[in-house]
PDB file of N, CA and C in Angstrom:
ATOM      1  N   MET A   1     231.175 141.449 -14.412  1.00  0.00           N
ATOM      2  CA  MET A   1     230.115 142.429 -14.425  1.00  0.00           C
ATOM      3  C   MET A   1     230.300 143.285 -15.669  1.00  0.00           C
ATOM      4  N   TRP A   2     229.192 143.508 -16.362  1.00  0.00           N
ATOM      5  CA  TRP A   2     229.198 144.330 -17.564  1.00  0.00           C
ATOM      6  C   TRP A   2     228.286 145.536 -17.362  1.00  0.00           C
ATOM      7  N   ALA A   3     228.658 146.649 -17.986  1.00  0.00           N
ATOM      8  CA  ALA A   3     227.810 147.834 -17.999  1.00  0.00           C
ATOM      9  C   ALA A   3     227.621 148.257 -19.448  1.00  0.00           C
ATOM     10  N   PHE A   4     226.371 148.637 -19.760  1.00  0.00           N
ATOM     11  CA  PHE A   4     226.032 149.016 -21.127  1.00  0.00           C
ATOM     12  C   PHE A   4     225.351 150.374 -21.147  1.00  0.00           C
ATOM     13  N   ASP A   5     225.562 151.117 -22.234  1.00  0.00           N
ATOM     14  CA  ASP A   5     224.909 152.399 -22.434  1.00  0.00           C
ATOM     15  C   ASP A   5     223.408 152.170 -22.620  1.00  0.00           C
ATOM     16  N   LEU A   6     222.584 152.922 -21.897  1.00  0.00           N
ATOM     17  CA  LEU A   6     221.132 152.752 -21.978  1.00  0.00           C
ATOM     18  C   LEU A   6     220.555 153.168 -23.330  1.00  0.00           C
ATOM     19  N   VAL A   7     221.218 154.079 -24.023  1.00  0.00           N
ATOM     20  CA  VAL A   7     220.680 154.594 -25.284  1.00  0.00           C
ATOM     21  C   VAL A   7     220.986 153.660 -26.453  1.00  0.00           C
ATOM     22  N   ASP A   8     222.273 153.308 -26.628  1.00  0.00           N
ATOM     23  CA  ASP A   8     222.633 152.531 -27.816  1.00  0.00           C
ATOM     24  C   ASP A   8     223.118 151.110 -27.531  1.00  0.00           C
ATOM     25  N   GLY A   9     223.224 150.740 -26.235  1.00  0.00           N
ATOM     26  CA  GLY A   9     223.601 149.374 -25.880  1.00  0.00           C
ATOM     27  C   GLY A   9     225.072 149.049 -25.983  1.00  0.00           C
ATOM     28  N   THR A  10     225.915 150.046 -26.279  1.00  0.00           N
ATOM     29  CA  THR A  10     227.348 149.759 -26.350  1.00  0.00           C
ATOM     30  C   THR A  10     227.890 149.446 -24.956  1.00  0.00           C
ATOM     31  N   GLN A  11     228.887 148.569 -24.941  1.00  0.00           N
ATOM     32  CA  GLN A  11     229.507 148.187 -23.673  1.00  0.00           C
ATOM     33  C   GLN A  11     230.354 149.335 -23.141  1.00  0.00           C
ATOM     34  N   LEU A  12     230.111 149.728 -21.896  1.00  0.00           N
ATOM     35  CA  LEU A  12     230.883 150.796 -21.260  1.00  0.00           C
ATOM     36  C   LEU A  12     232.113 150.243 -20.570  1.00  0.00           C
ATOM     37  N   PHE A  13     231.949 149.125 -19.881  1.00  0.00           N
ATOM     38  CA  PHE A  13     233.088 148.447 -19.262  1.00  0.00           C
ATOM     39  C   PHE A  13     232.706 147.019 -18.924  1.00  0.00           C
ATOM     40  N   LYS A  14     233.742 146.225 -18.656  1.00  0.00           N
ATOM     41  CA  LYS A  14     233.583 144.849 -18.190  1.00  0.00           C
ATOM     42  C   LYS A  14     234.584 144.663 -17.063  1.00  0.00           C
ATOM     43  N   THR A  15     234.114 144.212 -15.898  1.00  0.00           N
ATOM     44  CA  THR A  15     234.966 144.059 -14.730  1.00  0.00           C
ATOM     45  C   THR A  15     234.873 142.627 -14.200  1.00  0.00           C
ATOM     46  N   PRO A  16     235.974 141.887 -14.200  1.00  0.00           N
ATOM     47  CA  PRO A  16     235.930 140.532 -13.618  1.00  0.00           C
ATOM     48  C   PRO A  16     235.947 140.602 -12.090  1.00  0.00           C
ATOM     49  N   PHE A  17     235.321 139.613 -11.460  1.00  0.00           N
ATOM     50  CA  PHE A  17     235.413 139.477 -10.007  1.00  0.00           C
ATOM     51  C   PHE A  17     235.285 138.009  -9.650  1.00  0.00           C
ATOM     52  N   ALA A  18     235.853 137.644  -8.515  1.00  0.00           N
ATOM     53  CA  ALA A  18     235.856 136.251  -8.083  1.00  0.00           C
ATOM     54  C   ALA A  18     234.440 135.797  -7.752  1.00  0.00           C
ATOM     55  N   SER A  19     234.164 134.546  -8.111  1.00  0.00           N
ATOM     56  CA  SER A  19     232.883 133.930  -7.779  1.00  0.00           C
ATOM     57  C   SER A  19     233.089 132.411  -7.801  1.00  0.00           C
ATOM     58  N   GLN A  20     232.128 131.705  -7.264  1.00  0.00           N
ATOM     59  CA  GLN A  20     232.246 130.254  -7.264  1.00  0.00           C
ATOM     60  C   GLN A  20     230.937 129.652  -7.742  1.00  0.00           C
ATOM     61  N   TRP A  21     230.232 128.919  -6.932  1.00  0.00           N
ATOM     62  CA  TRP A  21     229.047 128.191  -7.375  1.00  0.00           C
ATOM     63  C   TRP A  21     227.730 128.921  -7.166  1.00  0.00           C
ATOM     64  N   GLU A  22     227.716 129.993  -6.411  1.00  0.00           N
ATOM     65  CA  GLU A  22     226.448 130.635  -6.084  1.00  0.00           C
ATOM     66  C   GLU A  22     225.711 131.137  -7.321  1.00  0.00           C
ATOM     67  N   HIS A  23     224.410 131.266  -7.173  1.00  0.00           N
ATOM     68  CA  HIS A  23     223.578 131.980  -8.139  1.00  0.00           C
ATOM     69  C   HIS A  23     223.428 133.393  -7.592  1.00  0.00           C
ATOM     70  N   TYR A  24     223.680 134.383  -8.436  1.00  0.00           N
ATOM     71  CA  TYR A  24     223.673 135.768  -7.983  1.00  0.00           C
ATOM     72  C   TYR A  24     222.393 136.471  -8.404  1.00  0.00           C
ATOM     73  N   LEU A  25     221.777 137.153  -7.475  1.00  0.00           N
ATOM     74  CA  LEU A  25     220.604 137.967  -7.780  1.00  0.00           C
ATOM     75  C   LEU A  25     221.063 139.369  -8.179  1.00  0.00           C
ATOM     76  N   ALA A  26     220.132 140.241  -8.465  1.00  0.00           N
ATOM     77  CA  ALA A  26     220.457 141.587  -8.923  1.00  0.00           C
ATOM     78  C   ALA A  26     221.294 142.346  -7.895  1.00  0.00           C
ATOM     79  N   PRO A  27     222.255 143.130  -8.356  1.00  0.00           N
ATOM     80  CA  PRO A  27     223.023 143.969  -7.444  1.00  0.00           C
ATOM     81  C   PRO A  27     222.175 145.141  -6.948  1.00  0.00           C
ATOM     82  N   ALA A  28     222.677 145.812  -5.925  1.00  0.00           N
ATOM     83  CA  ALA A  28     222.037 147.022  -5.408  1.00  0.00           C
ATOM     84  C   ALA A  28     222.872 148.228  -5.830  1.00  0.00           C
ATOM     85  N   PHE A  29     222.210 149.349  -6.109  1.00  0.00           N
ATOM     86  CA  PHE A  29     222.877 150.581  -6.511  1.00  0.00           C
ATOM     87  C   PHE A  29     222.590 151.662  -5.483  1.00  0.00           C
ATOM     88  N   ARG A  30     223.640 152.445  -5.155  1.00  0.00           N
ATOM     89  CA  ARG A  30     223.455 153.551  -4.212  1.00  0.00           C
ATOM     90  C   ARG A  30     224.571 154.558  -4.403  1.00  0.00           C
ATOM     91  N   ASN A  31     224.217 155.805  -4.639  1.00  0.00           N
ATOM     92  CA  ASN A  31     225.169 156.917  -4.708  1.00  0.00           C
ATOM     93  C   ASN A  31     226.384 156.628  -5.588  1.00  0.00           C
ATOM     94  N   GLY A  32     226.144 156.079  -6.768  1.00  0.00           N
ATOM     95  CA  GLY A  32     227.222 155.869  -7.723  1.00  0.00           C
ATOM     96  C   GLY A  32     228.019 154.593  -7.547  1.00  0.00           C
ATOM     97  N   PHE A  33     227.564 153.688  -6.699  1.00  0.00           N
ATOM     98  CA  PHE A  33     228.256 152.421  -6.485  1.00  0.00           C
ATOM     99  C   PHE A  33     227.302 151.249  -6.668  1.00  0.00           C
ATOM    100  N   VAL A  34     227.873 150.117  -7.055  1.00  0.00           N
ATOM    101  CA  VAL A  34     227.145 148.864  -7.231  1.00  0.00           C
ATOM    102  C   VAL A  34     227.625 147.913  -6.140  1.00  0.00           C
ATOM    103  N   TYR A  35     226.681 147.270  -5.456  1.00  0.00           N
ATOM    104  CA  TYR A  35     226.988 146.326  -4.379  1.00  0.00           C
ATOM    105  C   TYR A  35     226.439 144.965  -4.787  1.00  0.00           C
ATOM    106  N   THR A  36     227.293 143.937  -4.743  1.00  0.00           N
ATOM    107  CA  THR A  36     226.873 142.627  -5.223  1.00  0.00           C
ATOM    108  C   THR A  36     227.507 141.490  -4.445  1.00  0.00           C
ATOM    109  N   ASN A  37     226.794 140.384  -4.420  1.00  0.00           N
ATOM    110  CA  ASN A  37     227.290 139.117  -3.896  1.00  0.00           C
ATOM    111  C   ASN A  37     228.469 138.680  -4.765  1.00  0.00           C
ATOM    112  N   GLY A  38     229.428 137.981  -4.191  1.00  0.00           N
ATOM    113  CA  GLY A  38     230.560 137.481  -4.968  1.00  0.00           C
ATOM    114  C   GLY A  38     231.600 136.852  -4.070  1.00  0.00           C
ATOM    115  N   GLY A  39     232.775 136.602  -4.613  1.00  0.00           N
ATOM    116  CA  GLY A  39     233.879 136.035  -3.857  1.00  0.00           C
ATOM    117  C   GLY A  39     234.017 134.537  -4.065  1.00  0.00           C
ATOM    118  N   SER A  40     235.234 134.047  -3.986  1.00  0.00           N
ATOM    119  CA  SER A  40     235.487 132.618  -4.176  1.00  0.00           C
ATOM    120  C   SER A  40     234.845 131.773  -3.085  1.00  0.00           C
ATOM    121  N   PHE A  41     234.761 132.310  -1.879  1.00  0.00           N
ATOM    122  CA  PHE A  41     234.155 131.585  -0.768  1.00  0.00           C
ATOM    123  C   PHE A  41     233.125 132.452  -0.055  1.00  0.00           C
ATOM    124  N   GLY A  42     232.453 133.302  -0.786  1.00  0.00           N
ATOM    125  CA  GLY A  42     231.417 134.166  -0.243  1.00  0.00           C
ATOM    126  C   GLY A  42     231.922 135.564   0.059  1.00  0.00           C
ATOM    127  N   GLY A  43     231.041 136.541  -0.095  1.00  0.00           N
ATOM    128  CA  GLY A  43     231.406 137.911   0.227  1.00  0.00           C
ATOM    129  C   GLY A  43     230.555 138.907  -0.541  1.00  0.00           C
ATOM    130  N   MET A  44     230.919 140.168  -0.388  1.00  0.00           N
ATOM    131  CA  MET A  44     230.228 141.264  -1.060  1.00  0.00           C
ATOM    132  C   MET A  44     231.270 142.227  -1.632  1.00  0.00           C
ATOM    133  N   TYR A  45     230.991 142.701  -2.833  1.00  0.00           N
ATOM    134  CA  TYR A  45     231.839 143.684  -3.498  1.00  0.00           C
ATOM    135  C   TYR A  45     231.138 145.023  -3.586  1.00  0.00           C
ATOM    136  N   ALA A  46     231.941 146.090  -3.635  1.00  0.00           N
ATOM    137  CA  ALA A  46     231.479 147.426  -4.003  1.00  0.00           C
ATOM    138  C   ALA A  46     232.316 147.866  -5.205  1.00  0.00           C
ATOM    139  N   PHE A  47     231.632 148.298  -6.266  1.00  0.00           N
ATOM    140  CA  PHE A  47     232.277 148.780  -7.482  1.00  0.00           C
ATOM    141  C   PHE A  47     231.759 150.174  -7.815  1.00  0.00           C
ATOM    142  N   LYS A  48     232.606 151.013  -8.376  1.00  0.00           N
ATOM    143  CA  LYS A  48     232.191 152.313  -8.896  1.00  0.00           C
ATOM    144  C   LYS A  48     231.298 152.050 -10.112  1.00  0.00           C
ATOM    145  N   ALA A  49     230.080 152.591 -10.094  1.00  0.00           N
ATOM    146  CA  ALA A  49     229.092 152.278 -11.130  1.00  0.00           C
ATOM    147  C   ALA A  49     229.469 152.795 -12.513  1.00  0.00           C
ATOM    148  N   THR A  50     230.263 153.848 -12.598  1.00  0.00           N
ATOM    149  CA  THR A  50     230.603 154.423 -13.903  1.00  0.00           C
ATOM    150  C   THR A  50     231.856 153.842 -14.531  1.00  0.00           C
ATOM    151  N   THR A  51     232.688 153.162 -13.715  1.00  0.00           N
ATOM    152  CA  THR A  51     233.952 152.645 -14.234  1.00  0.00           C
ATOM    153  C   THR A  51     234.155 151.152 -13.990  1.00  0.00           C
ATOM    154  N   GLY A  52     233.455 150.583 -13.013  1.00  0.00           N
ATOM    155  CA  GLY A  52     233.657 149.188 -12.649  1.00  0.00           C
ATOM    156  C   GLY A  52     234.849 148.956 -11.740  1.00  0.00           C
ATOM    157  N   VAL A  53     235.506 150.017 -11.299  1.00  0.00           N
ATOM    158  CA  VAL A  53     236.659 149.879 -10.413  1.00  0.00           C
ATOM    159  C   VAL A  53     236.184 149.413  -9.030  1.00  0.00           C
ATOM    160  N   GLN A  54     236.853 148.378  -8.516  1.00  0.00           N
ATOM    161  CA  GLN A  54     236.487 147.834  -7.205  1.00  0.00           C
ATOM    162  C   GLN A  54     236.858 148.803  -6.097  1.00  0.00           C
ATOM    163  N   LYS A  55     235.916 149.078  -5.197  1.00  0.00           N
ATOM    164  CA  LYS A  55     236.165 149.921  -4.034  1.00  0.00           C
ATOM    165  C   LYS A  55     236.598 149.065  -2.850  1.00  0.00           C
ATOM    166  N   TRP A  56     235.884 147.964  -2.590  1.00  0.00           N
ATOM    167  CA  TRP A  56     236.235 147.053  -1.507  1.00  0.00           C
ATOM    168  C   TRP A  56     235.600 145.690  -1.706  1.00  0.00           C
ATOM    169  N   PHE A  57     236.085 144.734  -0.924  1.00  0.00           N
ATOM    170  CA  PHE A  57     235.500 143.398  -0.826  1.00  0.00           C
ATOM    171  C   PHE A  57     235.376 143.066   0.649  1.00  0.00           C
ATOM    172  N   ALA A  58     234.233 142.540   1.052  1.00  0.00           N
ATOM    173  CA  ALA A  58     234.003 142.134   2.441  1.00  0.00           C
ATOM    174  C   ALA A  58     233.734 140.630   2.476  1.00  0.00           C
ATOM    175  N   ASN A  59     234.445 139.908   3.325  1.00  0.00           N
ATOM    176  CA  ASN A  59     234.227 138.472   3.480  1.00  0.00           C
ATOM    177  C   ASN A  59     232.911 138.212   4.200  1.00  0.00           C
ATOM    178  N   LEU A  60     232.127 137.312   3.646  1.00  0.00           N
ATOM    179  CA  LEU A  60     230.881 136.858   4.251  1.00  0.00           C
ATOM    180  C   LEU A  60     230.776 135.358   4.021  1.00  0.00           C
ATOM    181  N   GLY A  61     229.881 134.715   4.736  1.00  0.00           N
ATOM    182  CA  GLY A  61     229.688 133.289   4.529  1.00  0.00           C
ATOM    183  C   GLY A  61     229.186 132.998   3.120  1.00  0.00           C
ATOM    184  N   GLN A  62     229.647 131.882   2.558  1.00  0.00           N
ATOM    185  CA  GLN A  62     229.223 131.505   1.216  1.00  0.00           C
ATOM    186  C   GLN A  62     227.774 131.029   1.269  1.00  0.00           C
ATOM    187  N   TYR A  63     226.934 131.657   0.449  1.00  0.00           N
ATOM    188  CA  TYR A  63     225.511 131.362   0.464  1.00  0.00           C
ATOM    189  C   TYR A  63     224.921 131.740  -0.885  1.00  0.00           C
ATOM    190  N   ASP A  64     223.863 131.084  -1.274  1.00  0.00           N
ATOM    191  CA  ASP A  64     223.269 131.214  -2.589  1.00  0.00           C
ATOM    192  C   ASP A  64     222.063 132.162  -2.578  1.00  0.00           C
ATOM    193  N   LEU A  65     221.827 132.814  -3.713  1.00  0.00           N
ATOM    194  CA  LEU A  65     220.599 133.565  -3.970  1.00  0.00           C
ATOM    195  C   LEU A  65     220.298 134.677  -2.978  1.00  0.00           C
ATOM    196  N   TRP A  66     221.227 135.614  -2.821  1.00  0.00           N
ATOM    197  CA  TRP A  66     220.934 136.796  -2.014  1.00  0.00           C
ATOM    198  C   TRP A  66     221.402 138.039  -2.753  1.00  0.00           C
ATOM    199  N   SER A  67     220.834 139.144  -2.376  1.00  0.00           N
ATOM    200  CA  SER A  67     221.188 140.437  -2.933  1.00  0.00           C
ATOM    201  C   SER A  67     221.316 141.416  -1.777  1.00  0.00           C
ATOM    202  N   PRO A  68     222.303 142.304  -1.803  1.00  0.00           N
ATOM    203  CA  PRO A  68     222.442 143.261  -0.710  1.00  0.00           C
ATOM    204  C   PRO A  68     221.303 144.278  -0.669  1.00  0.00           C
ATOM    205  N   ALA A  69     221.050 144.775   0.510  1.00  0.00           N
ATOM    206  CA  ALA A  69     220.196 145.952   0.710  1.00  0.00           C
ATOM    207  C   ALA A  69     221.127 147.064   1.177  1.00  0.00           C
ATOM    208  N   VAL A  70     220.858 148.297   0.770  1.00  0.00           N
ATOM    209  CA  VAL A  70     221.786 149.393   1.058  1.00  0.00           C
ATOM    210  C   VAL A  70     221.015 150.606   1.567  1.00  0.00           C
ATOM    211  N   ASP A  71     221.557 151.248   2.614  1.00  0.00           N
ATOM    212  CA  ASP A  71     221.027 152.537   3.062  1.00  0.00           C
ATOM    213  C   ASP A  71     222.149 153.565   3.000  1.00  0.00           C
ATOM    214  N   ASP A  72     222.045 154.680   3.696  1.00  0.00           N
ATOM    215  CA  ASP A  72     223.059 155.736   3.609  1.00  0.00           C
ATOM    216  C   ASP A  72     224.397 155.379   4.242  1.00  0.00           C
ATOM    217  N   GLN A  73     224.431 154.382   5.118  1.00  0.00           N
ATOM    218  CA  GLN A  73     225.665 154.054   5.837  1.00  0.00           C
ATOM    219  C   GLN A  73     226.192 152.659   5.577  1.00  0.00           C
ATOM    220  N   ASN A  74     225.296 151.686   5.371  1.00  0.00           N
ATOM    221  CA  ASN A  74     225.712 150.285   5.317  1.00  0.00           C
ATOM    222  C   ASN A  74     225.069 149.529   4.168  1.00  0.00           C
ATOM    223  N   ALA A  75     225.732 148.442   3.796  1.00  0.00           N
ATOM    224  CA  ALA A  75     225.147 147.430   2.921  1.00  0.00           C
ATOM    225  C   ALA A  75     224.861 146.226   3.815  1.00  0.00           C
ATOM    226  N   TYR A  76     223.732 145.561   3.583  1.00  0.00           N
ATOM    227  CA  TYR A  76     223.291 144.468   4.452  1.00  0.00           C
ATOM    228  C   TYR A  76     223.142 143.189   3.650  1.00  0.00           C
ATOM    229  N   ALA A  77     223.457 142.082   4.310  1.00  0.00           N
ATOM    230  CA  ALA A  77     223.315 140.783   3.651  1.00  0.00           C
ATOM    231  C   ALA A  77     222.892 139.740   4.670  1.00  0.00           C
ATOM    232  N   TYR A  78     221.981 138.869   4.240  1.00  0.00           N
ATOM    233  CA  TYR A  78     221.656 137.677   5.020  1.00  0.00           C
ATOM    234  C   TYR A  78     222.229 136.496   4.255  1.00  0.00           C
ATOM    235  N   THR A  79     223.168 135.811   4.869  1.00  0.00           N
ATOM    236  CA  THR A  79     223.869 134.718   4.193  1.00  0.00           C
ATOM    237  C   THR A  79     223.621 133.368   4.861  1.00  0.00           C
ATOM    238  N   GLY A  80     222.446 133.192   5.421  1.00  0.00           N
ATOM    239  CA  GLY A  80     222.126 131.923   6.058  1.00  0.00           C
ATOM    240  C   GLY A  80     222.709 131.824   7.448  1.00  0.00           C
ATOM    241  N   TYR A  81     224.005 131.942   7.536  1.00  0.00           N
ATOM    242  CA  TYR A  81     224.686 131.882   8.817  1.00  0.00           C
ATOM    243  C   TYR A  81     224.377 133.098   9.681  1.00  0.00           C
ATOM    244  N   GLU A  82     224.255 134.237   9.002  1.00  0.00           N
ATOM    245  CA  GLU A  82     224.178 135.500   9.739  1.00  0.00           C
ATOM    246  C   GLU A  82     223.538 136.599   8.898  1.00  0.00           C
ATOM    247  N   PHE A  83     223.151 137.654   9.612  1.00  0.00           N
ATOM    248  CA  PHE A  83     222.763 138.926   9.012  1.00  0.00           C
ATOM    249  C   PHE A  83     223.914 139.870   9.309  1.00  0.00           C
ATOM    250  N   ALA A  84     224.492 140.493   8.287  1.00  0.00           N
ATOM    251  CA  ALA A  84     225.671 141.337   8.474  1.00  0.00           C
ATOM    252  C   ALA A  84     225.462 142.719   7.877  1.00  0.00           C
ATOM    253  N   ALA A  85     226.050 143.721   8.527  1.00  0.00           N
ATOM    254  CA  ALA A  85     226.084 145.090   8.024  1.00  0.00           C
ATOM    255  C   ALA A  85     227.529 145.428   7.682  1.00  0.00           C
ATOM    256  N   ILE A  86     227.736 145.980   6.483  1.00  0.00           N
ATOM    257  CA  ILE A  86     229.067 146.331   5.986  1.00  0.00           C
ATOM    258  C   ILE A  86     229.109 147.834   5.728  1.00  0.00           C
ATOM    259  N   ASP A  87     230.124 148.514   6.260  1.00  0.00           N
ATOM    260  CA  ASP A  87     230.283 149.953   6.090  1.00  0.00           C
ATOM    261  C   ASP A  87     230.492 150.293   4.616  1.00  0.00           C
ATOM    262  N   LEU A  88     229.701 151.228   4.087  1.00  0.00           N
ATOM    263  CA  LEU A  88     229.791 151.585   2.674  1.00  0.00           C
ATOM    264  C   LEU A  88     231.117 152.232   2.290  1.00  0.00           C
ATOM    265  N   LEU A  89     231.742 152.953   3.197  1.00  0.00           N
ATOM    266  CA  LEU A  89     232.994 153.637   2.867  1.00  0.00           C
ATOM    267  C   LEU A  89     234.197 152.716   2.886  1.00  0.00           C
ATOM    268  N   THR A  90     234.255 151.819   3.867  1.00  0.00           N
ATOM    269  CA  THR A  90     235.469 151.031   4.075  1.00  0.00           C
ATOM    270  C   THR A  90     235.333 149.551   3.752  1.00  0.00           C
ATOM    271  N   GLY A  91     234.109 149.020   3.731  1.00  0.00           N
ATOM    272  CA  GLY A  91     233.918 147.588   3.561  1.00  0.00           C
ATOM    273  C   GLY A  91     234.115 146.804   4.847  1.00  0.00           C
ATOM    274  N   ALA A  92     234.294 147.511   5.958  1.00  0.00           N
ATOM    275  CA  ALA A  92     234.480 146.846   7.262  1.00  0.00           C
ATOM    276  C   ALA A  92     233.134 146.364   7.794  1.00  0.00           C
ATOM    277  N   ARG A  93     233.169 145.261   8.492  1.00  0.00           N
ATOM    278  CA  ARG A  93     231.967 144.723   9.129  1.00  0.00           C
ATOM    279  C   ARG A  93     231.591 145.627  10.298  1.00  0.00           C
ATOM    280  N   VAL A  94     230.376 146.129  10.285  1.00  0.00           N
ATOM    281  CA  VAL A  94     229.875 146.991  11.350  1.00  0.00           C
ATOM    282  C   VAL A  94     229.303 146.136  12.471  1.00  0.00           C
ATOM    283  N   PHE A  95     228.497 145.158  12.095  1.00  0.00           N
ATOM    284  CA  PHE A  95     227.974 144.189  13.059  1.00  0.00           C
ATOM    285  C   PHE A  95     227.477 142.969  12.312  1.00  0.00           C
ATOM    286  N   SER A  96     227.274 141.900  13.033  1.00  0.00           N
ATOM    287  CA  SER A  96     226.636 140.719  12.475  1.00  0.00           C
ATOM    288  C   SER A  96     225.838 140.035  13.572  1.00  0.00           C
ATOM    289  N   ILE A  97     224.766 139.387  13.156  1.00  0.00           N
ATOM    290  CA  ILE A  97     223.903 138.661  14.075  1.00  0.00           C
ATOM    291  C   ILE A  97     223.790 137.239  13.546  1.00  0.00           C
ATOM    292  N   ALA A  98     224.252 136.269  14.316  1.00  0.00           N
ATOM    293  CA  ALA A  98     224.185 134.873  13.899  1.00  0.00           C
ATOM    294  C   ALA A  98     222.735 134.405  13.868  1.00  0.00           C
ATOM    295  N   ASP A  99     222.431 133.522  12.925  1.00  0.00           N
ATOM    296  CA  ASP A  99     221.104 132.917  12.847  1.00  0.00           C
ATOM    297  C   ASP A  99     221.179 131.553  13.522  1.00  0.00           C
ATOM    298  N   PRO A 100     220.644 131.420  14.739  1.00  0.00           N
ATOM    299  CA  PRO A 100     220.751 130.153  15.463  1.00  0.00           C
ATOM    300  C   PRO A 100     219.878 129.048  14.859  1.00  0.00           C
ATOM    301  N   THR A 101     218.980 129.382  13.944  1.00  0.00           N
ATOM    302  CA  THR A 101     218.110 128.374  13.350  1.00  0.00           C
ATOM    303  C   THR A 101     218.625 127.845  12.020  1.00  0.00           C
ATOM    304  N   PHE A 102     219.707 128.400  11.515  1.00  0.00           N
ATOM    305  CA  PHE A 102     220.198 128.006  10.195  1.00  0.00           C
ATOM    306  C   PHE A 102     220.815 126.611  10.202  1.00  0.00           C
ATOM    307  N   ASN A 103     220.473 125.805   9.181  1.00  0.00           N
ATOM    308  CA  ASN A 103     221.201 124.566   8.914  1.00  0.00           C
ATOM    309  C   ASN A 103     221.065 124.276   7.429  1.00  0.00           C
ATOM    310  N   TRP A 104     222.035 123.584   6.865  1.00  0.00           N
ATOM    311  CA  TRP A 104     222.067 123.338   5.424  1.00  0.00           C
ATOM    312  C   TRP A 104     220.952 122.424   4.946  1.00  0.00           C
ATOM    313  N   SER A 105     220.350 121.656   5.832  1.00  0.00           N
ATOM    314  CA  SER A 105     219.330 120.691   5.407  1.00  0.00           C
ATOM    315  C   SER A 105     218.024 121.360   5.019  1.00  0.00           C
ATOM    316  N   GLY A 106     217.834 122.617   5.448  1.00  0.00           N
ATOM    317  CA  GLY A 106     216.608 123.328   5.134  1.00  0.00           C
ATOM    318  C   GLY A 106     215.458 123.011   6.067  1.00  0.00           C
ATOM    319  N   SER A 107     215.712 122.177   7.078  1.00  0.00           N
ATOM    320  CA  SER A 107     214.631 121.837   8.007  1.00  0.00           C
ATOM    321  C   SER A 107     214.632 122.738   9.219  1.00  0.00           C
TER     322      SER A 107
END
């Protein structure tokens, strides 16, 4: 992940994070943090938006093309297998709901 100055385009920081084959959509921003898909086998990261320092990582099912949604308490992700809520402060799973219709074939 890279961050650039909006005025002159200089690089502010660069932060590596684990990833595998997924295609990543835009991250979500909330109250000074960036929330994004990532992980070697799926998951979500929270990074400090001004420094790139990792706050937490939450394990989620590996799935392609999703972006978190964020409110005042949780970050949310639908990863095919499930819809999950992750606590913004700790990265702990608050709840998850399995998707009984999900299958890899797309049918």
